[in-house]
């Protein structure tokens, strides 16, 4: 089992990891279909109607920055 973190940020924020829309973002099979992830993304809100909102995939080896909404998931 591995742990990943989703970190919400806005354009210009400096966050480690990969933005989900980045083609180089590592794949986490099934992540985007999880009900907890879907609910969290709706709550922040993230999607095409909110272009300034970014979500970063951060692995357990990276440092999670303080002050950013974060969802931690065990895969």
PDB file of N, CA and C in Angstrom:
ATOM      1  N   UNK A   1       0.847  -1.172   0.000  1.00  0.00           N
ATOM      2  CA  UNK A   1       0.000   0.000   0.000  1.00  0.00           C
ATOM      3  C   UNK A   1       0.894   1.237   0.000  1.00  0.00           C
ATOM      4  N   UNK A   2       0.496   2.256  -0.751  1.00  0.00           N
ATOM      5  CA  UNK A   2       1.246   3.503  -0.767  1.00  0.00           C
ATOM      6  C   UNK A   2       0.321   4.656  -0.391  1.00  0.00           C
ATOM      7  N   UNK A   3       0.929   5.744  -0.009  1.00  0.00           N
ATOM      8  CA  UNK A   3       0.181   6.931   0.376  1.00  0.00           C
ATOM      9  C   UNK A   3       0.522   8.056  -0.581  1.00  0.00           C
ATOM     10  N   UNK A   4      -0.498   8.771  -1.038  1.00  0.00           N
ATOM     11  CA  UNK A   4      -0.316   9.960  -1.849  1.00  0.00           C
ATOM     12  C   UNK A   4      -1.132  11.080  -1.222  1.00  0.00           C
ATOM     13  N   UNK A   5      -0.792  12.288  -1.605  1.00  0.00           N
ATOM     14  CA  UNK A   5      -1.504  13.465  -1.100  1.00  0.00           C
ATOM     15  C   UNK A   5      -1.952  14.294  -2.289  1.00  0.00           C
ATOM     16  N   UNK A   6      -3.155  14.809  -2.220  1.00  0.00           N
ATOM     17  CA  UNK A   6      -3.630  15.792  -3.188  1.00  0.00           C
ATOM     18  C   UNK A   6      -3.601  17.136  -2.475  1.00  0.00           C
ATOM     19  N   UNK A   7      -2.954  18.109  -3.090  1.00  0.00           N
ATOM     20  CA  UNK A   7      -2.798  19.428  -2.485  1.00  0.00           C
ATOM     21  C   UNK A   7      -3.434  20.448  -3.412  1.00  0.00           C
ATOM     22  N   UNK A   8      -4.358  21.245  -2.867  1.00  0.00           N
ATOM     23  CA  UNK A   8      -5.022  22.292  -3.623  1.00  0.00           C
ATOM     24  C   UNK A   8      -4.209  23.578  -3.527  1.00  0.00           C
ATOM     25  N   UNK A   9      -4.009  24.224  -4.680  1.00  0.00           N
ATOM     26  CA  UNK A   9      -3.262  25.482  -4.723  1.00  0.00           C
ATOM     27  C   UNK A   9      -3.825  26.327  -5.864  1.00  0.00           C
ATOM     28  N   UNK A  10      -3.384  27.566  -5.940  1.00  0.00           N
ATOM     29  CA  UNK A  10      -3.793  28.426  -7.038  1.00  0.00           C
ATOM     30  C   UNK A  10      -2.587  28.714  -7.921  1.00  0.00           C
ATOM     31  N   UNK A  11      -2.862  29.212  -9.106  1.00  0.00           N
ATOM     32  CA  UNK A  11      -1.793  29.547 -10.042  1.00  0.00           C
ATOM     33  C   UNK A  11      -0.792  30.465  -9.357  1.00  0.00           C
ATOM     34  N   UNK A  12       0.478  30.148  -9.457  1.00  0.00           N
ATOM     35  CA  UNK A  12       1.536  30.951  -8.846  1.00  0.00           C
ATOM     36  C   UNK A  12       2.042  30.402  -7.526  1.00  0.00           C
ATOM     37  N   UNK A  13       1.267  29.524  -6.873  1.00  0.00           N
ATOM     38  CA  UNK A  13       1.722  28.907  -5.626  1.00  0.00           C
ATOM     39  C   UNK A  13       2.830  27.907  -5.940  1.00  0.00           C
ATOM     40  N   UNK A  14       3.724  27.735  -4.984  1.00  0.00           N
ATOM     41  CA  UNK A  14       4.814  26.771  -5.153  1.00  0.00           C
ATOM     42  C   UNK A  14       4.522  25.555  -4.295  1.00  0.00           C
ATOM     43  N   UNK A  15       4.249  24.437  -4.973  1.00  0.00           N
ATOM     44  CA  UNK A  15       3.898  23.195  -4.296  1.00  0.00           C
ATOM     45  C   UNK A  15       4.737  22.078  -4.915  1.00  0.00           C
ATOM     46  N   UNK A  16       5.307  21.187  -4.102  1.00  0.00           N
ATOM     47  CA  UNK A  16       6.046  20.068  -4.684  1.00  0.00           C
ATOM     48  C   UNK A  16       5.075  19.094  -5.351  1.00  0.00           C
ATOM     49  N   UNK A  17       5.583  18.268  -6.208  1.00  0.00           N
ATOM     50  CA  UNK A  17       4.733  17.276  -6.843  1.00  0.00           C
ATOM     51  C   UNK A  17       4.389  17.656  -8.264  1.00  0.00           C
ATOM     52  N   UNK A  18       3.347  17.042  -8.791  1.00  0.00           N
ATOM     53  CA  UNK A  18       2.931  17.225 -10.179  1.00  0.00           C
ATOM     54  C   UNK A  18       1.481  17.669 -10.225  1.00  0.00           C
ATOM     55  N   UNK A  19       1.186  18.698 -10.988  1.00  0.00           N
ATOM     56  CA  UNK A  19      -0.194  19.124 -11.177  1.00  0.00           C
ATOM     57  C   UNK A  19      -0.913  18.024 -11.947  1.00  0.00           C
ATOM     58  N   UNK A  20      -2.143  17.717 -11.555  1.00  0.00           N
ATOM     59  CA  UNK A  20      -2.864  16.588 -12.148  1.00  0.00           C
ATOM     60  C   UNK A  20      -3.019  16.706 -13.659  1.00  0.00           C
ATOM     61  N   UNK A  21      -3.139  17.923 -14.181  1.00  0.00           N
ATOM     62  CA  UNK A  21      -3.322  18.103 -15.620  1.00  0.00           C
ATOM     63  C   UNK A  21      -2.011  18.022 -16.393  1.00  0.00           C
ATOM     64  N   UNK A  22      -0.883  17.963 -15.697  1.00  0.00           N
ATOM     65  CA  UNK A  22       0.423  17.886 -16.342  1.00  0.00           C
ATOM     66  C   UNK A  22       0.590  16.492 -16.960  1.00  0.00           C
ATOM     67  N   UNK A  23       0.946  16.416 -18.244  1.00  0.00           N
ATOM     68  CA  UNK A  23       1.129  15.105 -18.869  1.00  0.00           C
ATOM     69  C   UNK A  23       2.190  14.247 -18.172  1.00  0.00           C
ATOM     70  N   UNK A  24       3.115  14.853 -17.458  1.00  0.00           N
ATOM     71  CA  UNK A  24       4.151  14.106 -16.754  1.00  0.00           C
ATOM     72  C   UNK A  24       3.748  13.646 -15.365  1.00  0.00           C
ATOM     73  N   UNK A  25       2.505  13.906 -14.972  1.00  0.00           N
ATOM     74  CA  UNK A  25       2.033  13.502 -13.644  1.00  0.00           C
ATOM     75  C   UNK A  25       1.986  11.981 -13.551  1.00  0.00           C
ATOM     76  N   UNK A  26       2.571  11.408 -12.487  1.00  0.00           N
ATOM     77  CA  UNK A  26       2.509   9.944 -12.326  1.00  0.00           C
ATOM     78  C   UNK A  26       1.057   9.471 -12.238  1.00  0.00           C
ATOM     79  N   UNK A  27       0.829   8.278 -12.710  1.00  0.00           N
ATOM     80  CA  UNK A  27      -0.525   7.729 -12.662  1.00  0.00           C
ATOM     81  C   UNK A  27      -0.761   7.002 -11.353  1.00  0.00           C
ATOM     82  N   UNK A  28      -1.947   7.195 -10.820  1.00  0.00           N
ATOM     83  CA  UNK A  28      -2.398   6.468  -9.640  1.00  0.00           C
ATOM     84  C   UNK A  28      -3.728   5.836 -10.039  1.00  0.00           C
ATOM     85  N   UNK A  29      -3.698   4.614 -10.538  1.00  0.00           N
ATOM     86  CA  UNK A  29      -4.905   3.975 -11.062  1.00  0.00           C
ATOM     87  C   UNK A  29      -6.074   4.016 -10.073  1.00  0.00           C
ATOM     88  N   UNK A  30      -7.221   4.450 -10.569  1.00  0.00           N
ATOM     89  CA  UNK A  30      -8.430   4.503  -9.772  1.00  0.00           C
ATOM     90  C   UNK A  30      -8.571   5.730  -8.891  1.00  0.00           C
ATOM     91  N   UNK A  31      -7.543   6.548  -8.805  1.00  0.00           N
ATOM     92  CA  UNK A  31      -7.575   7.706  -7.898  1.00  0.00           C
ATOM     93  C   UNK A  31      -8.725   8.651  -8.210  1.00  0.00           C
ATOM     94  N   UNK A  32      -8.876   9.017  -9.462  1.00  0.00           N
ATOM     95  CA  UNK A  32      -9.877  10.019  -9.837  1.00  0.00           C
ATOM     96  C   UNK A  32     -11.312   9.498  -9.777  1.00  0.00           C
ATOM     97  N   UNK A  33     -11.497   8.201  -9.614  1.00  0.00           N
ATOM     98  CA  UNK A  33     -12.842   7.635  -9.521  1.00  0.00           C
ATOM     99  C   UNK A  33     -13.294   7.420  -8.072  1.00  0.00           C
ATOM    100  N   UNK A  34     -12.393   7.638  -7.136  1.00  0.00           N
ATOM    101  CA  UNK A  34     -12.736   7.421  -5.716  1.00  0.00           C
ATOM    102  C   UNK A  34     -13.748   8.468  -5.242  1.00  0.00           C
ATOM    103  N   UNK A  35     -14.811   8.050  -4.546  1.00  0.00           N
ATOM    104  CA  UNK A  35     -15.813   8.997  -4.061  1.00  0.00           C
ATOM    105  C   UNK A  35     -15.232  10.084  -3.157  1.00  0.00           C
ATOM    106  N   UNK A  36     -14.237   9.753  -2.323  1.00  0.00           N
ATOM    107  CA  UNK A  36     -13.670  10.768  -1.435  1.00  0.00           C
ATOM    108  C   UNK A  36     -12.893  11.821  -2.219  1.00  0.00           C
ATOM    109  N   UNK A  37     -12.231  11.407  -3.296  1.00  0.00           N
ATOM    110  CA  UNK A  37     -11.489  12.351  -4.145  1.00  0.00           C
ATOM    111  C   UNK A  37     -12.468  13.235  -4.908  1.00  0.00           C
ATOM    112  N   UNK A  38     -13.494  12.647  -5.473  1.00  0.00           N
ATOM    113  CA  UNK A  38     -14.505  13.408  -6.212  1.00  0.00           C
ATOM    114  C   UNK A  38     -15.147  14.449  -5.315  1.00  0.00           C
ATOM    115  N   UNK A  39     -15.536  14.066  -4.108  1.00  0.00           N
ATOM    116  CA  UNK A  39     -16.170  15.003  -3.167  1.00  0.00           C
ATOM    117  C   UNK A  39     -15.213  16.122  -2.779  1.00  0.00           C
ATOM    118  N   UNK A  40     -13.951  15.797  -2.530  1.00  0.00           N
ATOM    119  CA  UNK A  40     -12.959  16.809  -2.139  1.00  0.00           C
ATOM    120  C   UNK A  40     -12.748  17.813  -3.264  1.00  0.00           C
ATOM    121  N   UNK A  41     -12.638  17.316  -4.499  1.00  0.00           N
ATOM    122  CA  UNK A  41     -12.420  18.213  -5.639  1.00  0.00           C
ATOM    123  C   UNK A  41     -13.611  19.129  -5.881  1.00  0.00           C
ATOM    124  N   UNK A  42     -14.812  18.642  -5.642  1.00  0.00           N
ATOM    125  CA  UNK A  42     -15.994  19.500  -5.766  1.00  0.00           C
ATOM    126  C   UNK A  42     -16.000  20.564  -4.678  1.00  0.00           C
ATOM    127  N   UNK A  43     -15.527  20.214  -3.492  1.00  0.00           N
ATOM    128  CA  UNK A  43     -15.546  21.137  -2.355  1.00  0.00           C
ATOM    129  C   UNK A  43     -14.519  22.260  -2.483  1.00  0.00           C
ATOM    130  N   UNK A  44     -13.391  22.034  -3.186  1.00  0.00           N
ATOM    131  CA  UNK A  44     -12.342  23.067  -3.188  1.00  0.00           C
ATOM    132  C   UNK A  44     -12.585  24.237  -4.129  1.00  0.00           C
ATOM    133  N   UNK A  45     -13.207  24.391  -5.148  1.00  0.00           N
ATOM    134  CA  UNK A  45     -13.609  23.520  -6.240  1.00  0.00           C
ATOM    135  C   UNK A  45     -12.507  23.418  -7.292  1.00  0.00           C
ATOM    136  N   UNK A  46     -12.469  22.292  -7.980  1.00  0.00           N
ATOM    137  CA  UNK A  46     -11.472  22.027  -9.022  1.00  0.00           C
ATOM    138  C   UNK A  46     -12.185  21.562 -10.274  1.00  0.00           C
ATOM    139  N   UNK A  47     -11.796  22.095 -11.405  1.00  0.00           N
ATOM    140  CA  UNK A  47     -12.376  21.661 -12.671  1.00  0.00           C
ATOM    141  C   UNK A  47     -12.273  22.747 -13.717  1.00  0.00           C
ATOM    142  N   UNK A  48     -12.807  22.476 -14.891  1.00  0.00           N
ATOM    143  CA  UNK A  48     -12.669  23.418 -16.003  1.00  0.00           C
ATOM    144  C   UNK A  48     -13.301  24.786 -15.744  1.00  0.00           C
ATOM    145  N   UNK A  49     -14.284  24.857 -14.866  1.00  0.00           N
ATOM    146  CA  UNK A  49     -14.914  26.141 -14.550  1.00  0.00           C
ATOM    147  C   UNK A  49     -14.090  26.976 -13.573  1.00  0.00           C
ATOM    148  N   UNK A  50     -13.000  26.420 -13.047  1.00  0.00           N
ATOM    149  CA  UNK A  50     -12.145  27.102 -12.065  1.00  0.00           C
ATOM    150  C   UNK A  50     -10.683  26.973 -12.506  1.00  0.00           C
ATOM    151  N   UNK A  51     -10.302  27.684 -13.571  1.00  0.00           N
ATOM    152  CA  UNK A  51      -8.963  27.502 -14.144  1.00  0.00           C
ATOM    153  C   UNK A  51      -7.812  27.932 -13.229  1.00  0.00           C
ATOM    154  N   UNK A  52      -8.071  28.742 -12.225  1.00  0.00           N
ATOM    155  CA  UNK A  52      -6.998  29.177 -11.328  1.00  0.00           C
ATOM    156  C   UNK A  52      -6.753  28.192 -10.190  1.00  0.00           C
ATOM    157  N   UNK A  53      -7.602  27.202 -10.051  1.00  0.00           N
ATOM    158  CA  UNK A  53      -7.457  26.196  -8.994  1.00  0.00           C
ATOM    159  C   UNK A  53      -6.688  25.003  -9.554  1.00  0.00           C
ATOM    160  N   UNK A  54      -5.599  24.651  -8.892  1.00  0.00           N
ATOM    161  CA  UNK A  54      -4.765  23.527  -9.314  1.00  0.00           C
ATOM    162  C   UNK A  54      -4.747  22.474  -8.215  1.00  0.00           C
ATOM    163  N   UNK A  55      -4.571  21.228  -8.595  1.00  0.00           N
ATOM    164  CA  UNK A  55      -4.413  20.146  -7.628  1.00  0.00           C
ATOM    165  C   UNK A  55      -3.128  19.406  -7.976  1.00  0.00           C
ATOM    166  N   UNK A  56      -2.284  19.255  -6.968  1.00  0.00           N
ATOM    167  CA  UNK A  56      -1.000  18.586  -7.134  1.00  0.00           C
ATOM    168  C   UNK A  56      -1.032  17.208  -6.498  1.00  0.00           C
ATOM    169  N   UNK A  57      -0.444  16.242  -7.185  1.00  0.00           N
ATOM    170  CA  UNK A  57      -0.245  14.906  -6.643  1.00  0.00           C
ATOM    171  C   UNK A  57       1.140  14.903  -6.008  1.00  0.00           C
ATOM    172  N   UNK A  58       1.185  14.647  -4.722  1.00  0.00           N
ATOM    173  CA  UNK A  58       2.437  14.670  -3.968  1.00  0.00           C
ATOM    174  C   UNK A  58       2.639  13.288  -3.367  1.00  0.00           C
ATOM    175  N   UNK A  59       3.821  12.722  -3.555  1.00  0.00           N
ATOM    176  CA  UNK A  59       4.090  11.400  -3.002  1.00  0.00           C
ATOM    177  C   UNK A  59       4.465  11.505  -1.532  1.00  0.00           C
ATOM    178  N   UNK A  60       4.473  10.376  -0.880  1.00  0.00           N
ATOM    179  CA  UNK A  60       4.786  10.359   0.547  1.00  0.00           C
ATOM    180  C   UNK A  60       6.198  10.826   0.853  1.00  0.00           C
ATOM    181  N   UNK A  61       7.067  10.834  -0.150  1.00  0.00           N
ATOM    182  CA  UNK A  61       8.449  11.238   0.060  1.00  0.00           C
ATOM    183  C   UNK A  61       8.647  12.752   0.002  1.00  0.00           C
ATOM    184  N   UNK A  62       7.672  13.470  -0.480  1.00  0.00           N
ATOM    185  CA  UNK A  62       7.784  14.921  -0.590  1.00  0.00           C
ATOM    186  C   UNK A  62       7.220  15.601   0.646  1.00  0.00           C
ATOM    187  N   UNK A  63       7.621  16.821   0.842  1.00  0.00           N
ATOM    188  CA  UNK A  63       7.126  17.597   1.985  1.00  0.00           C
ATOM    189  C   UNK A  63       5.810  18.271   1.612  1.00  0.00           C
ATOM    190  N   UNK A  64       4.807  18.088   2.443  1.00  0.00           N
ATOM    191  CA  UNK A  64       3.509  18.718   2.229  1.00  0.00           C
ATOM    192  C   UNK A  64       3.576  20.132   2.805  1.00  0.00           C
ATOM    193  N   UNK A  65       3.299  21.161   1.992  1.00  0.00           N
ATOM    194  CA  UNK A  65       3.373  22.529   2.509  1.00  0.00           C
ATOM    195  C   UNK A  65       2.225  22.834   3.459  1.00  0.00           C
ATOM    196  N   UNK A  66       2.499  23.660   4.453  1.00  0.00           N
ATOM    197  CA  UNK A  66       1.461  24.089   5.399  1.00  0.00           C
ATOM    198  C   UNK A  66       0.526  25.091   4.728  1.00  0.00           C
ATOM    199  N   UNK A  67      -0.713  25.117   5.167  1.00  0.00           N
ATOM    200  CA  UNK A  67      -1.654  26.129   4.738  1.00  0.00           C
ATOM    201  C   UNK A  67      -2.398  25.835   3.451  1.00  0.00           C
ATOM    202  N   UNK A  68      -2.216  24.660   2.883  1.00  0.00           N
ATOM    203  CA  UNK A  68      -2.925  24.289   1.661  1.00  0.00           C
ATOM    204  C   UNK A  68      -3.898  23.159   1.974  1.00  0.00           C
ATOM    205  N   UNK A  69      -5.138  23.227   1.452  1.00  0.00           N
ATOM    206  CA  UNK A  69      -6.053  22.102   1.631  1.00  0.00           C
ATOM    207  C   UNK A  69      -5.428  20.826   1.054  1.00  0.00           C
ATOM    208  N   UNK A  70      -5.433  19.768   1.856  1.00  0.00           N
ATOM    209  CA  UNK A  70      -4.777  18.527   1.458  1.00  0.00           C
ATOM    210  C   UNK A  70      -5.662  17.329   1.769  1.00  0.00           C
ATOM    211  N   UNK A  71      -5.674  16.372   0.855  1.00  0.00           N
ATOM    212  CA  UNK A  71      -6.367  15.098   1.055  1.00  0.00           C
ATOM    213  C   UNK A  71      -5.307  14.006   0.982  1.00  0.00           C
ATOM    214  N   UNK A  72      -5.211  13.200   2.013  1.00  0.00           N
ATOM    215  CA  UNK A  72      -4.249  12.093   2.053  1.00  0.00           C
ATOM    216  C   UNK A  72      -4.989  10.790   1.788  1.00  0.00           C
ATOM    217  N   UNK A  73      -4.432   9.994   0.880  1.00  0.00           N
ATOM    218  CA  UNK A  73      -5.095   8.780   0.429  1.00  0.00           C
ATOM    219  C   UNK A  73      -4.146   7.603   0.468  1.00  0.00           C
ATOM    220  N   UNK A  74      -4.600   6.483   0.984  1.00  0.00           N
ATOM    221  CA  UNK A  74      -3.842   5.232   0.935  1.00  0.00           C
ATOM    222  C   UNK A  74      -4.346   4.436  -0.254  1.00  0.00           C
ATOM    223  N   UNK A  75      -3.435   4.053  -1.110  1.00  0.00           N
ATOM    224  CA  UNK A  75      -3.797   3.280  -2.309  1.00  0.00           C
ATOM    225  C   UNK A  75      -3.385   1.831  -2.142  1.00  0.00           C
TER     226      UNK A  75
END
